[in-house]
Amino acid sequence: MALDTAKVENTMAKRLRNLLFSQEGILFIILVLVIIVLSGRNANFLSASNLLNQGRLMSEVGLVALPMTYIIITAGIDLSVGSILGLSAILLGVFWKNLGVPLELAIILALIVGTVAGYVNGLFIVRLNVPPLIMTLATLAFYRGLAQGISEAKSVTGYPEWFYIFGQKSVMGLPTQLWFFIIATIISIIILRTTTLGRYLYAIGNNPVGARFSGLPVARTLLVIYSYSGFMAALAAVIFVSRVTTTRSDMGTGLELDVIAAVVLGGTSIFGGKGGIIGTLIGLVLIQLLKNGLALSGVTSDATTIVIGLVLILAILVNNFIQRRRDS
């Protein structure tokens, strides 16, 4: 009996040690330290209104970061998400204002446009073997150019009041877009951890050639996740337009950098085969709270960018240390 108890305690201790020395565990400790330091510098940092507002701002980046986690797990990348957001936002306004399409239908069409844009990325990657970095870098410019050409430097305003529920209103005390993000996060975790698709993603990231020779539907899986990325960028566009009450062709500029930073900070390897949604979630929260806390403390935006970059470098070094320790 005593032997069994000792065995259970050793197992629990080992699991706790593995959790603490995992990328997510280390990142969570950094997050707690950041919260303690920043809350001590400004009394408003941990106020409910401030935290809810940060959740509102984080949700748009977070929605795009979920499929980006999937893509990076497969050793891919999608640099076009910001441009897809901008294109979807512009077309939402054009469909509604210029073409007279009912706004409800215009939202659906904008989501379709984003999904098709993501599908095109995936199609070139799987059918013509264009490297994801090259393909999405090209469509970053192409989709942004389309958005600028279609908008003709004009913005669309005057949306009906009901439309602002997506970006400015709250449901049961939480910002509406935060509900979208929470639901999408739960679904993404379930897919990655419990479904065949999730296992395919890790297999492709670890050994794409082996996965293909094993009979896994590599092409179909990549098409699905790049289309998913486009859809989520379009959904973020609808929320973005609702929050700022206007559409502009420069919407989403630089979004891909924030998204990739959160995913990599969360421990998803750019070499594929490793990562998860929980790490991405912690990375998102850490970046958003750093931006907000430093701004409240009077730190300039340039200095904030430097601090976030240093945190990212630190997290990568920690991840490499953990990986070398496990390999040895």
Protein backbone atom coordinates (compact mmCIF):
# COMPACT_ATOMS: atom_id res chain seq x y z
CA MET A 1 0.00 0.00 0.00
CA ALA A 2 2.80 2.39 0.97
CA LEU A 3 4.62 1.47 -2.24
CA ASP A 4 1.55 2.31 -4.33
CA THR A 5 1.16 5.65 -2.53
CA ALA A 6 4.79 6.52 -3.15
CA LYS A 7 4.44 5.56 -6.81
CA VAL A 8 1.39 7.82 -7.21
CA GLU A 9 3.19 10.70 -5.49
CA ASN A 10 6.24 10.26 -7.73
CA THR A 11 4.02 10.22 -10.81
CA MET A 12 2.21 13.38 -9.71
CA ALA A 13 5.50 15.10 -8.90
CA LYS A 14 6.89 14.16 -12.31
CA ARG A 15 3.79 15.50 -14.08
CA LEU A 16 3.96 18.74 -12.09
CA ARG A 17 7.65 19.12 -12.92
CA ASN A 18 7.00 18.51 -16.62
CA LEU A 19 4.19 21.06 -16.55
CA LEU A 20 6.29 23.72 -14.84
CA PHE A 21 9.20 23.18 -17.21
CA SER A 22 7.06 23.13 -20.34
CA GLN A 23 6.87 26.12 -22.67
CA GLU A 24 3.34 26.86 -21.48
CA GLY A 25 4.37 26.58 -17.83
CA ILE A 26 7.34 28.92 -18.18
CA LEU A 27 5.25 31.37 -20.20
CA PHE A 28 2.49 31.32 -17.58
CA ILE A 29 5.03 32.13 -14.86
CA ILE A 30 6.29 35.06 -16.97
CA LEU A 31 2.69 36.21 -17.43
CA VAL A 32 2.04 36.17 -13.66
CA LEU A 33 5.25 38.15 -13.04
CA VAL A 34 4.28 40.70 -15.70
CA ILE A 35 0.83 41.13 -14.14
CA ILE A 36 2.34 41.66 -10.67
CA VAL A 37 4.85 44.24 -11.91
CA LEU A 38 2.43 46.19 -14.12
CA SER A 39 -0.39 46.18 -11.58
CA GLY A 40 2.04 47.70 -9.08
CA ARG A 41 2.83 50.54 -11.48
CA ASN A 42 -0.77 51.50 -12.23
CA ALA A 43 -3.88 50.97 -10.11
CA ASN A 44 -6.18 50.87 -13.15
CA PHE A 45 -4.35 47.97 -14.79
CA LEU A 46 -6.37 45.21 -13.10
CA SER A 47 -9.69 47.08 -13.11
CA ALA A 48 -12.59 45.16 -14.65
CA SER A 49 -13.25 47.82 -17.28
CA ASN A 50 -9.62 47.84 -18.44
CA LEU A 51 -9.37 44.04 -18.61
CA LEU A 52 -12.63 43.76 -20.54
CA ASN A 53 -11.44 46.41 -22.98
CA GLN A 54 -8.18 44.50 -23.49
CA GLY A 55 -10.22 41.37 -24.13
CA ARG A 56 -12.12 43.31 -26.78
CA LEU A 57 -8.93 44.42 -28.49
CA MET A 58 -7.25 41.00 -28.22
CA SER A 59 -10.13 39.07 -29.76
CA GLU A 60 -9.50 40.17 -33.35
CA VAL A 61 -5.86 39.07 -33.23
CA GLY A 62 -6.86 35.95 -31.29
CA LEU A 63 -9.37 34.78 -33.88
CA VAL A 64 -6.66 34.82 -36.54
CA ALA A 65 -4.07 33.27 -34.21
CA LEU A 66 -6.13 30.08 -33.76
CA PRO A 67 -5.82 28.86 -37.39
CA MET A 68 -2.29 30.26 -37.55
CA THR A 69 -1.41 27.80 -34.76
CA TYR A 70 -2.69 24.97 -36.94
CA ILE A 71 -0.74 26.22 -39.94
CA ILE A 72 2.56 26.64 -38.06
CA ILE A 73 2.16 23.18 -36.52
CA THR A 74 2.29 21.86 -40.10
CA ALA A 75 5.53 23.87 -40.63
CA GLY A 76 3.64 26.38 -42.77
CA ILE A 77 3.01 30.11 -42.47
CA ASP A 78 0.33 32.56 -43.60
CA LEU A 79 1.60 36.11 -44.06
CA SER A 80 -1.52 37.21 -45.93
CA VAL A 81 -3.99 37.24 -43.01
CA GLY A 82 -3.77 41.00 -42.50
CA SER A 83 -4.38 41.63 -46.19
CA ILE A 84 -7.31 39.18 -46.22
CA LEU A 85 -8.78 41.09 -43.28
CA GLY A 86 -8.39 44.37 -45.17
CA LEU A 87 -9.88 42.97 -48.38
CA SER A 88 -12.84 41.41 -46.56
CA ALA A 89 -13.48 44.66 -44.68
CA ILE A 90 -13.46 46.73 -47.87
CA LEU A 91 -15.75 44.33 -49.71
CA LEU A 92 -18.15 44.27 -46.77
CA GLY A 93 -18.58 48.03 -47.20
CA VAL A 94 -18.68 47.88 -50.99
CA PHE A 95 -21.29 45.11 -51.07
CA TRP A 96 -23.51 47.01 -48.66
CA LYS A 97 -22.99 50.67 -49.57
CA ASN A 98 -22.10 50.61 -53.26
CA LEU A 99 -23.98 47.57 -54.51
CA GLY A 100 -27.01 47.86 -52.25
CA VAL A 101 -26.72 44.34 -50.86
CA PRO A 102 -28.48 43.87 -47.46
CA LEU A 103 -25.89 44.12 -44.72
CA GLU A 104 -26.65 40.61 -43.43
CA LEU A 105 -25.87 39.19 -46.88
CA ALA A 106 -22.84 41.47 -47.24
CA ILE A 107 -21.40 39.96 -44.03
CA ILE A 108 -21.86 36.45 -45.42
CA LEU A 109 -20.26 37.45 -48.72
CA ALA A 110 -17.29 38.99 -46.90
CA LEU A 111 -16.80 35.73 -44.98
CA ILE A 112 -16.94 33.80 -48.26
CA VAL A 113 -14.36 36.13 -49.82
CA GLY A 114 -11.98 35.57 -46.91
CA THR A 115 -12.45 31.81 -47.07
CA VAL A 116 -11.82 31.75 -50.83
CA ALA A 117 -8.70 33.90 -50.38
CA GLY A 118 -7.37 31.39 -47.86
CA TYR A 119 -8.34 28.49 -50.13
CA VAL A 120 -6.36 30.06 -53.00
CA ASN A 121 -3.30 30.17 -50.75
CA GLY A 122 -3.72 26.50 -49.92
CA LEU A 123 -4.42 25.53 -53.52
CA PHE A 124 -1.14 26.96 -54.81
CA ILE A 125 0.75 25.46 -51.89
CA VAL A 126 -0.56 21.90 -52.33
CA ARG A 127 -1.06 21.76 -56.11
CA LEU A 128 1.92 23.72 -57.39
CA ASN A 129 4.21 23.09 -54.39
CA VAL A 130 4.79 26.79 -53.84
CA PRO A 131 6.43 27.25 -50.40
CA PRO A 132 3.93 28.77 -47.93
CA LEU A 133 6.28 31.66 -47.14
CA ILE A 134 6.58 32.65 -50.81
CA MET A 135 2.92 32.10 -51.64
CA THR A 136 1.47 34.03 -48.73
CA LEU A 137 4.06 36.80 -49.12
CA ALA A 138 2.83 37.22 -52.69
CA THR A 139 -0.83 37.23 -51.71
CA LEU A 140 -0.06 39.64 -48.86
CA ALA A 141 0.77 42.19 -51.57
CA PHE A 142 -1.91 40.99 -54.02
CA TYR A 143 -4.86 41.07 -51.60
CA ARG A 144 -3.74 44.42 -50.16
CA GLY A 145 -3.48 45.83 -53.67
CA LEU A 146 -6.99 44.58 -54.44
CA ALA A 147 -8.32 46.23 -51.30
CA GLN A 148 -6.67 49.54 -52.16
CA GLY A 149 -7.82 49.41 -55.77
CA ILE A 150 -11.42 48.56 -54.90
CA SER A 151 -11.67 51.18 -52.15
CA GLU A 152 -10.08 53.98 -54.22
CA ALA A 153 -8.89 55.47 -50.93
CA LYS A 154 -12.49 55.95 -49.80
CA SER A 155 -13.96 54.69 -46.54
CA VAL A 156 -17.45 53.40 -45.86
CA THR A 157 -19.36 54.65 -42.81
CA GLY A 158 -22.94 54.95 -41.58
CA TYR A 159 -23.61 51.32 -40.66
CA PRO A 160 -26.93 50.60 -38.90
CA GLU A 161 -26.98 50.48 -35.11
CA TRP A 162 -27.56 46.71 -34.88
CA PHE A 163 -24.26 46.07 -36.69
CA TYR A 164 -22.26 47.51 -33.79
CA ILE A 165 -23.22 44.63 -31.54
CA PHE A 166 -20.26 42.66 -32.98
CA GLY A 167 -17.59 45.17 -32.01
CA GLN A 168 -18.95 47.60 -29.40
CA LYS A 169 -21.64 45.86 -27.37
CA SER A 170 -21.57 43.26 -24.60
CA VAL A 171 -23.45 40.03 -23.92
CA MET A 172 -23.85 38.91 -20.30
CA GLY A 173 -21.18 41.35 -19.20
CA LEU A 174 -18.53 40.29 -21.72
CA PRO A 175 -17.69 42.02 -25.03
CA THR A 176 -19.44 40.28 -27.92
CA GLN A 177 -16.20 39.60 -29.81
CA LEU A 178 -14.73 38.01 -26.70
CA TRP A 179 -17.57 35.46 -26.80
CA PHE A 180 -16.68 34.72 -30.42
CA PHE A 181 -13.06 34.20 -29.40
CA ILE A 182 -13.88 32.01 -26.40
CA ILE A 183 -16.15 29.74 -28.44
CA ALA A 184 -13.63 29.53 -31.29
CA THR A 185 -10.84 28.74 -28.82
CA ILE A 186 -12.77 25.88 -27.22
CA ILE A 187 -13.62 24.42 -30.63
CA SER A 188 -9.99 24.75 -31.79
CA ILE A 189 -8.68 23.00 -28.67
CA ILE A 190 -11.15 20.12 -29.10
CA ILE A 191 -10.23 19.72 -32.78
CA LEU A 192 -6.50 19.73 -32.11
CA ARG A 193 -6.58 17.38 -29.13
CA THR A 194 -9.35 14.90 -29.86
CA THR A 195 -9.94 14.63 -33.60
CA THR A 196 -8.27 12.92 -36.52
CA LEU A 197 -7.63 16.30 -38.11
CA GLY A 198 -5.57 17.33 -35.09
CA ARG A 199 -3.43 14.20 -35.37
CA TYR A 200 -2.97 14.84 -39.08
CA LEU A 201 -1.61 18.34 -38.36
CA TYR A 202 1.11 17.04 -36.02
CA ALA A 203 1.98 14.20 -38.40
CA ILE A 204 2.35 16.58 -41.33
CA GLY A 205 4.47 18.96 -39.27
CA ASN A 206 6.78 16.20 -38.04
CA ASN A 207 7.29 14.51 -41.41
CA PRO A 208 5.25 15.71 -44.40
CA VAL A 209 6.77 13.16 -46.78
CA GLY A 210 6.16 10.32 -44.33
CA ALA A 211 2.60 11.51 -43.75
CA ARG A 212 1.94 11.50 -47.49
CA PHE A 213 3.38 8.02 -47.96
CA SER A 214 1.35 6.82 -44.98
CA GLY A 215 -1.80 7.68 -46.90
CA LEU A 216 -2.78 10.74 -44.87
CA PRO A 217 -4.80 13.35 -46.80
CA VAL A 218 -2.06 15.97 -46.63
CA ALA A 219 -3.35 18.13 -49.49
CA ARG A 220 -6.93 18.17 -48.21
CA THR A 221 -5.79 18.93 -44.66
CA LEU A 222 -3.70 21.90 -45.77
CA LEU A 223 -6.55 23.22 -47.91
CA VAL A 224 -8.86 23.05 -44.91
CA ILE A 225 -6.58 24.93 -42.52
CA TYR A 226 -5.62 27.67 -45.00
CA SER A 227 -9.31 28.15 -45.83
CA TYR A 228 -10.02 28.24 -42.10
CA SER A 229 -7.36 30.93 -41.74
CA GLY A 230 -9.02 33.03 -44.44
CA PHE A 231 -12.44 32.59 -42.85
CA MET A 232 -11.23 33.69 -39.42
CA ALA A 233 -9.45 36.72 -40.92
CA ALA A 234 -12.75 37.70 -42.56
CA LEU A 235 -14.64 37.19 -39.30
CA ALA A 236 -12.08 39.42 -37.56
CA ALA A 237 -12.68 41.97 -40.34
CA VAL A 238 -16.42 42.09 -39.63
CA ILE A 239 -15.72 42.61 -35.92
CA PHE A 240 -13.03 45.21 -36.67
CA VAL A 241 -15.37 47.24 -38.88
CA SER A 242 -18.10 47.03 -36.26
CA ARG A 243 -15.71 48.28 -33.57
CA VAL A 244 -14.22 51.23 -35.47
CA THR A 245 -17.47 52.03 -37.41
CA THR A 246 -15.72 52.43 -40.76
CA THR A 247 -13.81 50.52 -43.43
CA ARG A 248 -10.39 51.43 -44.81
CA SER A 249 -8.05 49.60 -47.15
CA ASP A 250 -5.21 49.69 -44.60
CA MET A 251 -7.13 47.66 -42.03
CA GLY A 252 -5.16 44.69 -40.77
CA THR A 253 -1.76 46.07 -41.77
CA GLY A 254 0.86 44.35 -39.63
CA LEU A 255 -1.68 41.95 -38.13
CA GLU A 256 0.32 38.95 -39.32
CA LEU A 257 3.29 39.99 -37.18
CA ASP A 258 1.20 40.18 -33.98
CA VAL A 259 -0.43 36.85 -34.77
CA ILE A 260 2.80 35.00 -35.53
CA ALA A 261 4.48 36.52 -32.47
CA ALA A 262 1.69 35.25 -30.20
CA VAL A 263 1.78 31.76 -31.72
CA VAL A 264 5.57 31.41 -31.56
CA LEU A 265 5.67 32.95 -28.09
CA GLY A 266 3.17 30.29 -27.06
CA GLY A 267 5.62 27.53 -27.95
CA THR A 268 4.46 26.45 -31.40
CA SER A 269 7.58 25.52 -33.35
CA ILE A 270 8.13 27.17 -36.71
CA PHE A 271 9.69 23.87 -37.78
CA GLY A 272 6.36 22.12 -37.26
CA GLY A 273 5.08 19.19 -35.28
CA LYS A 274 4.85 20.96 -31.92
CA GLY A 275 2.51 23.47 -30.31
CA GLY A 276 -0.98 24.01 -29.03
CA ILE A 277 -3.83 26.46 -28.56
CA ILE A 278 -3.25 26.93 -24.81
CA GLY A 279 0.25 28.26 -25.44
CA THR A 280 -1.07 30.60 -28.12
CA LEU A 281 -3.73 31.85 -25.71
CA ILE A 282 -1.14 32.63 -23.04
CA GLY A 283 1.04 34.35 -25.65
CA LEU A 284 -1.90 36.50 -26.78
CA VAL A 285 -2.76 37.55 -23.23
CA LEU A 286 0.88 38.29 -22.41
CA ILE A 287 1.41 40.51 -25.46
CA GLN A 288 -1.86 42.39 -24.98
CA LEU A 289 -1.28 43.00 -21.27
CA LEU A 290 2.29 44.13 -21.95
CA LYS A 291 1.06 46.65 -24.52
CA ASN A 292 -1.65 47.93 -22.21
CA GLY A 293 0.36 47.96 -18.98
CA LEU A 294 3.34 49.73 -20.52
CA ALA A 295 1.04 52.30 -22.17
CA LEU A 296 -0.64 53.00 -18.83
CA SER A 297 2.81 53.44 -17.31
CA GLY A 298 3.69 56.09 -19.88
CA VAL A 299 6.05 53.96 -21.96
CA THR A 300 6.21 54.97 -25.63
CA SER A 301 5.02 52.63 -28.38
CA ASP A 302 8.57 52.16 -29.69
CA ALA A 303 9.83 51.09 -26.27
CA THR A 304 6.82 48.78 -25.90
CA THR A 305 7.73 47.08 -29.17
CA ILE A 306 11.29 46.59 -27.90
CA VAL A 307 10.05 45.06 -24.64
CA ILE A 308 7.72 42.66 -26.48
CA GLY A 309 10.61 41.69 -28.77
CA LEU A 310 12.83 40.96 -25.78
CA VAL A 311 10.10 38.83 -24.19
CA LEU A 312 9.74 36.92 -27.47
CA ILE A 313 13.49 36.31 -27.62
CA LEU A 314 13.48 35.16 -23.99
CA ALA A 315 10.63 32.74 -24.64
CA ILE A 316 12.44 31.29 -27.67
CA LEU A 317 15.64 30.81 -25.63
CA VAL A 318 13.65 29.10 -22.88
CA ASN A 319 11.95 26.88 -25.44
CA ASN A 320 15.32 25.86 -26.91
CA PHE A 321 16.67 25.11 -23.44
CA ILE A 322 13.66 22.93 -22.61
CA GLN A 323 13.94 21.10 -25.94
CA ARG A 324 17.67 20.38 -25.45
CA ARG A 325 16.98 19.14 -21.92
CA ARG A 326 14.30 16.75 -23.15
CA ASP A 327 16.48 15.50 -26.02
CA SER A 328 19.33 14.76 -23.59
